């Protein structure tokens, strides 16, 4: 198994861990180089070489084909092939836009933040190459409003690239022009959904659009638009520089490359870990290369492998491999790669309550199943966790989430169904016990902040 990078959450304040055995890194690369966020340092270590190659030696169609051949899949959650997505743009329709989704809001996910904080130029280079590939002359980075320092760092890096002629007019003397702007959101989780992101960027209320038409056909300002996640775009320079065959040496046939897993919870060493797709979950949690096991040597009880929207796994599922296909076969998903690991001290009812409380707070209110369904889920879960559960609460929870499932306008409401459905399926006895103890006051439940 190839290990990529071991990076603790506190990496910005602490020393780096020893370099991993693999010589090449893809997303969390060069983080041990001092001042790598500075343009000149990035350039000295091969930065923007892939952009030069793309713009001066390759056609846009060549770049699209290379990304298709690499098998790069979108890291925003759906895992859709990136090159195929680029190919959906209608021919001959301009202007086109590239949007970088940096609205990292999924509970348990924090890799975008580290990429930007430590090495922002690799994202800018990825955006520039991708914009050239789809023949766009304007790109936006839609960044979560709370990432104020990260936004300033991106703006500084973009200004450096403009000053040196790597952005703006006539890049490398080829006649290709590209402008990149940073747009700060206002902290709404729903704006991570690509059509809500476009609505917000246009100055409207951040609510999802009805599809079709899809963004590739009619996106920002009604023009063809491609929306890619930060981690997706950060892969592009290395693919262009080293080729699709090189990229496919990592991961699996259907899930090639690497993934940055944001691991939090009751592990000894939480943090961002870049590992090849196909790495076993057990290895990610217990290997000394990664999280080094559970704090206090407690037992694993719940693993949420792809952010709060992903179906729960248990200790019986630790041999599953971390790739799109294997997790789907387990009834879960890779999602954003936010791996939340909880030990046997937590109560499943409380975990579901905290997660659904998040979805209730972040519901945009556009559709009734989500707006009302999340409210009722949280109301019933609050009642149970505070010692006032009723005998009919379990069938009521089943009834509410079944009415939500498949009936919401976007995936937020569908995601809110996942924690309660997982908890009821895997730990029904904990609901029954909590209801049986009703009237004894709030239960002694150990909780965990997932972020």
Protein backbone atom coordinates (compact mmCIF):
# COMPACT_ATOMS: atom_id res chain seq x y z
CA UNK A 1 0.00 0.00 0.00
CA UNK A 2 1.35 3.41 -0.95
CA UNK A 3 1.10 5.97 1.83
CA UNK A 4 1.00 9.57 0.74
CA UNK A 5 1.03 12.17 3.49
CA UNK A 6 0.47 12.19 7.21
CA UNK A 7 -0.67 15.65 8.20
CA UNK A 8 -2.14 16.35 11.65
CA UNK A 9 -4.94 18.87 12.13
CA UNK A 10 -2.52 21.05 14.07
CA UNK A 11 0.02 21.08 11.23
CA UNK A 12 -0.11 24.86 10.90
CA UNK A 13 1.14 25.22 14.48
CA UNK A 14 3.27 22.08 14.89
CA UNK A 15 6.21 20.41 13.20
CA UNK A 16 5.58 18.23 10.19
CA UNK A 17 5.73 14.49 10.53
CA UNK A 18 8.42 12.59 8.58
CA UNK A 19 7.92 12.37 4.85
CA UNK A 20 6.06 9.33 3.59
CA UNK A 21 7.84 6.63 1.54
CA UNK A 22 6.24 7.69 -1.73
CA UNK A 23 8.32 10.23 -3.64
CA UNK A 24 5.41 11.84 -5.48
CA UNK A 25 2.51 13.59 -3.76
CA UNK A 26 -0.55 14.88 -5.53
CA UNK A 27 -2.80 17.10 -3.40
CA UNK A 28 -0.95 17.56 -0.11
CA UNK A 29 2.34 18.01 -1.89
CA UNK A 30 5.28 20.23 -0.97
CA UNK A 31 3.75 21.16 2.39
CA UNK A 32 7.08 20.69 4.11
CA UNK A 33 8.71 23.36 1.90
CA UNK A 34 9.11 26.64 3.73
CA UNK A 35 7.12 29.52 2.23
CA UNK A 36 5.62 27.34 -0.52
CA UNK A 37 2.63 29.71 -0.52
CA UNK A 38 4.92 32.38 -2.01
CA UNK A 39 4.91 32.59 -5.81
CA UNK A 40 8.69 32.47 -6.30
CA UNK A 41 9.14 29.48 -3.98
CA UNK A 42 6.29 27.63 -5.70
CA UNK A 43 7.87 28.40 -9.09
CA UNK A 44 11.28 27.13 -7.94
CA UNK A 45 9.74 23.76 -7.09
CA UNK A 46 8.08 23.16 -10.45
CA UNK A 47 5.04 25.32 -9.91
CA UNK A 48 3.12 26.54 -12.99
CA UNK A 49 5.14 24.24 -15.24
CA UNK A 50 1.97 22.25 -15.95
CA UNK A 51 0.16 25.47 -16.89
CA UNK A 52 2.98 26.42 -19.25
CA UNK A 53 2.85 22.97 -20.88
CA UNK A 54 -0.94 23.11 -21.19
CA UNK A 55 -1.17 26.57 -22.72
CA UNK A 56 1.91 26.49 -24.98
CA UNK A 57 2.08 22.85 -26.07
CA UNK A 58 -1.40 21.36 -25.79
CA UNK A 59 -4.85 22.17 -27.15
CA UNK A 60 -7.88 22.45 -24.86
CA UNK A 61 -9.22 19.20 -26.33
CA UNK A 62 -5.91 17.47 -25.47
CA UNK A 63 -6.22 18.51 -21.82
CA UNK A 64 -9.82 17.34 -21.62
CA UNK A 65 -8.84 13.97 -23.07
CA UNK A 66 -5.91 13.59 -20.65
CA UNK A 67 -8.19 14.26 -17.68
CA UNK A 68 -10.71 11.76 -19.08
CA UNK A 69 -8.00 9.15 -19.52
CA UNK A 70 -6.76 9.71 -15.96
CA UNK A 71 -10.15 8.74 -14.55
CA UNK A 72 -10.13 11.74 -12.20
CA UNK A 73 -13.44 11.82 -10.36
CA UNK A 74 -14.99 14.85 -8.70
CA UNK A 75 -14.08 15.11 -5.03
CA UNK A 76 -17.10 17.16 -4.04
CA UNK A 77 -19.16 14.10 -3.16
CA UNK A 78 -20.77 12.61 -6.26
CA UNK A 79 -17.55 11.22 -7.73
CA UNK A 80 -18.58 11.99 -11.32
CA UNK A 81 -15.73 11.71 -13.88
CA UNK A 82 -14.27 15.19 -14.29
CA UNK A 83 -13.25 14.95 -17.93
CA UNK A 84 -16.67 13.61 -18.90
CA UNK A 85 -18.30 16.53 -17.07
CA UNK A 86 -16.13 18.97 -19.02
CA UNK A 87 -17.23 17.26 -22.22
CA UNK A 88 -20.89 18.16 -21.59
CA UNK A 89 -20.31 21.78 -22.59
CA UNK A 90 -22.20 22.62 -25.79
CA UNK A 91 -19.91 23.31 -28.71
CA UNK A 92 -19.54 26.87 -29.91
CA UNK A 93 -21.45 28.52 -27.04
CA UNK A 94 -19.56 31.34 -25.27
CA UNK A 95 -18.75 32.83 -22.82
CA UNK A 96 -18.09 29.91 -20.53
CA UNK A 97 -17.34 29.97 -16.83
CA UNK A 98 -15.36 27.83 -14.42
CA UNK A 99 -16.46 27.89 -10.77
CA UNK A 100 -14.32 26.49 -7.98
CA UNK A 101 -16.52 25.25 -5.14
CA UNK A 102 -14.64 26.17 -1.98
CA UNK A 103 -17.72 26.31 0.23
CA UNK A 104 -16.42 23.51 2.47
CA UNK A 105 -19.26 23.07 4.96
CA UNK A 106 -19.86 19.34 5.38
CA UNK A 107 -19.43 18.34 9.05
CA UNK A 108 -16.22 16.38 9.48
CA UNK A 109 -14.55 17.75 6.32
CA UNK A 110 -11.60 20.13 6.41
CA UNK A 111 -9.15 19.29 3.62
CA UNK A 112 -9.92 22.31 1.37
CA UNK A 113 -8.93 24.61 4.20
CA UNK A 114 -5.49 23.03 4.51
CA UNK A 115 -4.85 23.01 0.76
CA UNK A 116 -5.49 26.75 0.55
CA UNK A 117 -3.74 27.69 3.78
CA UNK A 118 -0.54 25.86 2.96
CA UNK A 119 -0.18 25.84 -0.85
CA UNK A 120 -2.72 28.11 -2.59
CA UNK A 121 -0.83 28.31 -5.90
CA UNK A 122 -1.46 24.65 -6.68
CA UNK A 123 -5.20 25.40 -6.67
CA UNK A 124 -4.76 28.52 -8.80
CA UNK A 125 -2.68 26.55 -11.28
CA UNK A 126 -5.33 23.84 -11.39
CA UNK A 127 -8.04 26.42 -12.03
CA UNK A 128 -6.02 28.06 -14.80
CA UNK A 129 -5.38 24.76 -16.60
CA UNK A 130 -9.00 23.67 -16.23
CA UNK A 131 -10.29 27.03 -17.48
CA UNK A 132 -8.04 26.74 -20.52
CA UNK A 133 -9.28 23.19 -21.13
CA UNK A 134 -12.95 24.24 -21.19
CA UNK A 135 -12.13 27.48 -23.11
CA UNK A 136 -13.26 29.78 -20.30
CA UNK A 137 -11.76 33.22 -19.78
CA UNK A 138 -13.32 33.89 -16.39
CA UNK A 139 -13.19 31.78 -13.22
CA UNK A 140 -14.60 32.34 -9.75
CA UNK A 141 -13.54 30.80 -6.46
CA UNK A 142 -16.65 30.68 -4.27
CA UNK A 143 -15.23 30.42 -0.76
CA UNK A 144 -16.97 29.87 2.54
CA UNK A 145 -17.42 33.20 4.32
CA UNK A 146 -15.83 31.96 7.54
CA UNK A 147 -12.58 31.24 5.67
CA UNK A 148 -11.57 34.90 5.84
CA UNK A 149 -7.84 34.25 6.27
CA UNK A 150 -7.89 31.64 3.51
CA UNK A 151 -9.66 34.07 1.19
CA UNK A 152 -7.00 36.70 1.82
CA UNK A 153 -4.29 34.15 1.16
CA UNK A 154 -5.90 33.21 -2.16
CA UNK A 155 -6.28 36.85 -3.15
CA UNK A 156 -2.60 37.45 -2.38
CA UNK A 157 -1.54 34.42 -4.42
CA UNK A 158 -3.75 35.47 -7.35
CA UNK A 159 -2.26 38.97 -7.24
CA UNK A 160 1.24 37.45 -7.39
CA UNK A 161 0.27 35.35 -10.43
CA UNK A 162 -1.14 38.44 -12.18
CA UNK A 163 1.99 40.45 -11.42
CA UNK A 164 4.18 37.81 -13.04
CA UNK A 165 1.98 37.38 -16.11
CA UNK A 166 0.62 33.93 -15.27
CA UNK A 167 -2.93 35.31 -15.13
CA UNK A 168 -4.58 38.14 -17.05
CA UNK A 169 -3.98 39.03 -20.68
CA UNK A 170 -1.99 36.99 -23.21
CA UNK A 171 -0.68 34.29 -20.85
CA UNK A 172 2.72 32.98 -22.03
CA UNK A 173 2.28 35.06 -25.18
CA UNK A 174 -0.32 32.63 -26.52
CA UNK A 175 -3.25 35.03 -26.73
CA UNK A 176 -5.12 33.15 -24.00
CA UNK A 177 -6.69 35.45 -21.36
CA UNK A 178 -7.91 34.42 -17.92
CA UNK A 179 -9.23 36.33 -14.93
CA UNK A 180 -9.83 34.70 -11.53
CA UNK A 181 -11.89 36.28 -8.76
CA UNK A 182 -12.48 35.24 -5.16
CA UNK A 183 -16.11 35.54 -4.04
CA UNK A 184 -16.91 35.12 -0.36
CA UNK A 185 -20.17 33.46 0.62
CA UNK A 186 -22.08 34.12 3.82
CA UNK A 187 -21.78 30.76 5.53
CA UNK A 188 -24.82 28.92 4.15
CA UNK A 189 -24.27 25.15 3.82
CA UNK A 190 -26.77 24.95 0.98
CA UNK A 191 -24.45 27.07 -1.21
CA UNK A 192 -22.17 24.06 -1.45
CA UNK A 193 -24.85 22.66 -3.77
CA UNK A 194 -23.70 23.76 -7.21
CA UNK A 195 -26.87 25.46 -8.43
CA UNK A 196 -27.39 27.26 -5.11
CA UNK A 197 -23.77 28.39 -5.40
CA UNK A 198 -24.54 29.95 -8.77
CA UNK A 199 -27.66 31.66 -7.41
CA UNK A 200 -25.61 33.15 -4.58
CA UNK A 201 -22.85 34.23 -6.95
CA UNK A 202 -25.45 36.05 -9.05
CA UNK A 203 -26.61 37.94 -5.94
CA UNK A 204 -29.78 35.95 -5.36
CA UNK A 205 -30.97 33.90 -2.39
CA UNK A 206 -28.83 30.78 -2.08
CA UNK A 207 -31.37 28.14 -3.04
CA UNK A 208 -31.00 25.26 -5.52
CA UNK A 209 -32.30 25.49 -9.06
CA UNK A 210 -34.51 23.01 -10.82
CA UNK A 211 -32.55 20.76 -13.18
CA UNK A 212 -32.52 20.38 -16.17
CA UNK A 213 -31.09 22.53 -17.58
CA UNK A 214 -27.81 21.49 -16.02
CA UNK A 215 -25.01 24.02 -15.37
CA UNK A 216 -22.92 22.75 -18.28
CA UNK A 217 -25.69 23.92 -20.60
CA UNK A 218 -27.18 26.89 -18.74
CA UNK A 219 -25.25 27.80 -15.62
CA UNK A 220 -23.91 31.10 -14.33
CA UNK A 221 -25.78 33.98 -16.04
CA UNK A 222 -27.42 31.36 -18.25
CA UNK A 223 -24.12 30.41 -19.91
CA UNK A 224 -22.26 27.06 -19.99
CA UNK A 225 -20.58 26.55 -16.62
CA UNK A 226 -18.36 23.91 -15.05
CA UNK A 227 -18.25 23.63 -11.25
CA UNK A 228 -15.46 21.64 -9.63
CA UNK A 229 -14.36 21.15 -6.04
CA UNK A 230 -11.03 22.47 -4.66
CA UNK A 231 -9.49 19.00 -4.34
CA UNK A 232 -10.59 18.04 -7.85
CA UNK A 233 -8.90 21.05 -9.43
CA UNK A 234 -5.78 20.60 -7.32
CA UNK A 235 -5.22 17.20 -8.96
CA UNK A 236 -5.14 18.66 -12.47
CA UNK A 237 -1.58 20.12 -12.61
CA UNK A 238 0.01 16.81 -11.63
CA UNK A 239 -2.09 14.91 -14.17
CA UNK A 240 -1.10 17.30 -16.96
CA UNK A 241 2.55 17.27 -15.93
CA UNK A 242 2.98 13.51 -15.46
CA UNK A 243 0.19 12.01 -17.58
CA UNK A 244 -2.84 9.82 -17.13
CA UNK A 245 -0.87 6.56 -16.87
CA UNK A 246 1.18 7.96 -14.00
CA UNK A 247 -1.97 9.05 -12.19
CA UNK A 248 -3.62 5.66 -12.58
CA UNK A 249 -0.80 3.91 -10.74
CA UNK A 250 -2.57 5.03 -7.55
CA UNK A 251 -5.96 3.79 -6.39
CA UNK A 252 -8.22 1.28 -8.08
CA UNK A 253 -9.36 0.75 -11.65
CA UNK A 254 -12.69 2.50 -11.12
CA UNK A 255 -11.48 4.94 -8.47
CA UNK A 256 -8.00 5.98 -9.63
CA UNK A 257 -5.75 8.41 -7.83
CA UNK A 258 -5.69 9.47 -4.21
CA UNK A 259 -8.14 11.02 -1.77
CA UNK A 260 -7.51 13.36 1.14
CA UNK A 261 -9.43 11.89 4.06
CA UNK A 262 -10.27 14.32 6.86
CA UNK A 263 -10.35 12.06 9.91
CA UNK A 264 -11.86 13.36 13.14
CA UNK A 265 -13.39 11.94 16.29
CA UNK A 266 -11.96 9.55 18.85
CA UNK A 267 -8.80 8.57 16.96
CA UNK A 268 -5.39 9.23 18.49
CA UNK A 269 -4.17 11.41 15.66
CA UNK A 270 -6.95 13.17 13.72
CA UNK A 271 -6.00 15.08 10.60
CA UNK A 272 -5.88 15.15 6.82
CA UNK A 273 -4.39 12.02 5.25
CA UNK A 274 -3.86 11.57 1.54
CA UNK A 275 -4.10 7.89 0.68
CA UNK A 276 -4.75 5.90 -2.50
CA UNK A 277 -8.34 4.95 -3.19
CA UNK A 278 -8.77 1.37 -2.04
CA UNK A 279 -7.01 1.86 1.29
CA UNK A 280 -8.86 -0.22 3.92
CA UNK A 281 -10.76 1.77 6.53
CA UNK A 282 -9.08 -0.29 9.24
CA UNK A 283 -5.67 0.81 7.99
CA UNK A 284 -6.70 4.45 7.93
CA UNK A 285 -7.80 4.27 11.57
CA UNK A 286 -5.20 1.96 13.12
CA UNK A 287 -2.04 2.19 11.00
CA UNK A 288 0.89 4.13 12.53
CA UNK A 289 1.12 5.84 9.13
CA UNK A 290 -2.27 7.39 9.70
CA UNK A 291 -4.44 7.79 12.83
CA UNK A 292 -2.63 5.30 15.13
CA UNK A 293 -5.78 3.77 16.58
CA UNK A 294 -8.43 4.86 19.06
CA UNK A 295 -7.87 7.20 21.99
CA UNK A 296 -7.80 5.33 25.29
CA UNK A 297 -7.86 2.09 23.26
CA UNK A 298 -11.64 2.23 23.16
CA UNK A 299 -13.56 0.21 20.58
CA UNK A 300 -14.92 1.62 17.34
CA UNK A 301 -18.70 1.94 17.42
CA UNK A 302 -19.70 4.25 14.54
CA UNK A 303 -17.79 5.40 11.46
CA UNK A 304 -19.29 8.00 9.16
CA UNK A 305 -17.01 7.63 6.11
CA UNK A 306 -18.00 10.59 3.94
CA UNK A 307 -19.21 13.48 6.06
CA UNK A 308 -22.54 13.73 7.88
CA UNK A 309 -24.44 12.89 4.68
CA UNK A 310 -22.97 9.37 4.47
CA UNK A 311 -24.55 6.22 5.85
CA UNK A 312 -23.02 4.89 9.05
CA UNK A 313 -20.66 1.94 9.32
CA UNK A 314 -19.82 -0.10 12.42
CA UNK A 315 -16.85 -2.06 13.76
CA UNK A 316 -17.97 -4.96 11.55
CA UNK A 317 -17.26 -2.87 8.44
CA UNK A 318 -13.65 -1.86 9.08
CA UNK A 319 -12.27 -4.02 6.28
CA UNK A 320 -14.17 -2.05 3.63
CA UNK A 321 -11.88 -0.23 1.21
CA UNK A 322 -12.16 3.53 0.89
CA UNK A 323 -13.36 3.93 -2.68
CA UNK A 324 -16.63 4.82 -4.35
CA UNK A 325 -17.71 1.33 -5.30
CA UNK A 326 -16.89 -0.49 -2.05
CA UNK A 327 -18.61 2.07 0.15
CA UNK A 328 -21.68 2.14 -2.09
CA UNK A 329 -21.89 -1.65 -1.75
CA UNK A 330 -22.01 -1.13 2.03
CA UNK A 331 -24.94 1.26 1.72
CA UNK A 332 -22.79 4.32 2.36
CA UNK A 333 -20.71 6.67 0.23
CA UNK A 334 -17.31 8.28 0.03
CA UNK A 335 -18.89 11.74 -0.16
CA UNK A 336 -16.55 14.52 0.88
CA UNK A 337 -14.09 12.13 2.54
CA UNK A 338 -14.81 13.42 6.04
CA UNK A 339 -14.29 10.30 8.18
CA UNK A 340 -15.87 10.66 11.64
CA UNK A 341 -14.83 7.85 14.01
CA UNK A 342 -16.75 7.41 17.28
CA UNK A 343 -16.12 4.94 20.08
CA UNK A 344 -18.45 2.83 22.23
CA UNK A 345 -19.06 5.62 24.74
CA UNK A 346 -21.32 7.59 22.39
CA UNK A 347 -25.05 7.07 22.13
CA UNK A 348 -26.44 6.64 18.63
CA UNK A 349 -29.60 8.60 19.44
CA UNK A 350 -27.54 11.61 20.47
CA UNK A 351 -25.28 11.38 17.41
CA UNK A 352 -28.30 11.32 15.07
CA UNK A 353 -29.83 14.24 16.97
CA UNK A 354 -26.72 16.40 16.64
CA UNK A 355 -26.35 15.66 12.93
CA UNK A 356 -30.00 16.31 12.12
CA UNK A 357 -29.89 19.48 14.17
CA UNK A 358 -27.23 20.67 11.72
CA UNK A 359 -29.37 19.84 8.68
CA UNK A 360 -32.41 21.53 10.21
CA UNK A 361 -30.40 24.69 10.81
CA UNK A 362 -29.00 24.68 7.27
CA UNK A 363 -32.22 23.87 5.38
CA UNK A 364 -32.90 26.70 2.95
CA UNK A 365 -36.66 26.21 3.37
CA UNK A 366 -37.42 26.00 -0.35
CA UNK A 367 -39.23 22.65 -0.26
CA UNK A 368 -41.75 21.41 2.30
CA UNK A 369 -40.34 17.89 2.89
CA UNK A 370 -36.96 19.29 3.96
CA UNK A 371 -38.20 22.41 5.75
CA UNK A 372 -40.83 20.59 7.80
CA UNK A 373 -39.22 17.15 7.89
CA UNK A 374 -35.95 18.30 9.45
CA UNK A 375 -37.93 20.30 12.01
CA UNK A 376 -39.96 17.26 13.09
CA UNK A 377 -36.97 14.91 13.13
CA UNK A 378 -35.10 17.26 15.45
CA UNK A 379 -38.18 17.86 17.62
CA UNK A 380 -38.69 14.13 18.23
CA UNK A 381 -34.97 13.41 18.71
CA UNK A 382 -34.70 16.30 21.17
CA UNK A 383 -37.59 14.85 23.12
CA UNK A 384 -36.01 11.40 23.29
CA UNK A 385 -32.52 12.60 24.21
CA UNK A 386 -33.91 14.85 26.96
CA UNK A 387 -35.74 12.03 28.72
CA UNK A 388 -39.25 12.68 27.41
CA UNK A 389 -39.52 10.01 24.71
CA UNK A 390 -42.85 8.39 23.89
CA UNK A 391 -43.69 4.86 22.82
CA UNK A 392 -44.87 6.03 19.42
CA UNK A 393 -41.72 8.10 18.70
CA UNK A 394 -39.88 5.31 16.87
CA UNK A 395 -42.66 4.64 14.32
CA UNK A 396 -43.10 8.42 14.05
CA UNK A 397 -39.43 8.86 13.13
CA UNK A 398 -39.72 6.12 10.49
CA UNK A 399 -42.83 7.81 9.11
CA UNK A 400 -41.21 11.25 8.90
CA UNK A 401 -38.01 10.19 7.20
CA UNK A 402 -39.87 7.94 4.76
CA UNK A 403 -41.94 10.92 3.69
CA UNK A 404 -38.76 12.94 3.18
CA UNK A 405 -36.76 10.30 1.28
CA UNK A 406 -37.01 10.82 -2.48
CA UNK A 407 -39.25 13.86 -2.14
CA UNK A 408 -36.85 16.73 -1.42
CA UNK A 409 -35.84 19.36 -3.98
CA UNK A 410 -32.12 18.79 -3.43
CA UNK A 411 -29.82 16.46 -1.51
CA UNK A 412 -29.87 18.42 1.75
CA UNK A 413 -33.18 16.94 2.82
CA UNK A 414 -32.13 13.53 1.55
CA UNK A 415 -28.94 13.84 3.62
CA UNK A 416 -30.92 14.64 6.76
CA UNK A 417 -32.62 11.26 6.41
CA UNK A 418 -29.31 9.38 6.56
CA UNK A 419 -28.28 9.82 10.23
CA UNK A 420 -31.67 8.89 11.68
CA UNK A 421 -32.17 5.98 9.28
CA UNK A 422 -28.66 4.69 10.06
CA UNK A 423 -29.18 5.01 13.81
CA UNK A 424 -32.57 3.25 13.76
CA UNK A 425 -31.24 0.46 11.58
CA UNK A 426 -28.03 -0.20 13.50
CA UNK A 427 -28.94 0.70 17.07
CA UNK A 428 -32.73 0.35 17.56
CA UNK A 429 -32.21 -0.87 21.13
CA UNK A 430 -30.70 2.49 22.11
CA UNK A 431 -33.88 4.27 21.05
CA UNK A 432 -35.97 1.74 22.91
CA UNK A 433 -33.85 2.08 26.05
CA UNK A 434 -33.97 5.88 25.93
CA UNK A 435 -37.76 5.84 25.64
CA UNK A 436 -38.07 3.26 28.40
CA UNK A 437 -36.10 5.59 30.68
CA UNK A 438 -38.36 8.57 29.90
CA UNK A 439 -39.13 10.65 32.93
CA UNK A 440 -35.73 10.15 34.54
CA UNK A 441 -34.31 13.40 33.15
CA UNK A 442 -31.65 13.88 30.52
CA UNK A 443 -29.58 10.77 29.83
CA UNK A 444 -25.87 10.63 30.59
CA UNK A 445 -24.66 10.61 27.00
CA UNK A 446 -21.13 11.37 25.89
CA UNK A 447 -21.19 13.56 22.80
CA UNK A 448 -18.59 14.65 20.29
CA UNK A 449 -18.22 17.79 18.28
CA UNK A 450 -17.58 16.41 14.79
CA UNK A 451 -15.58 19.39 13.50
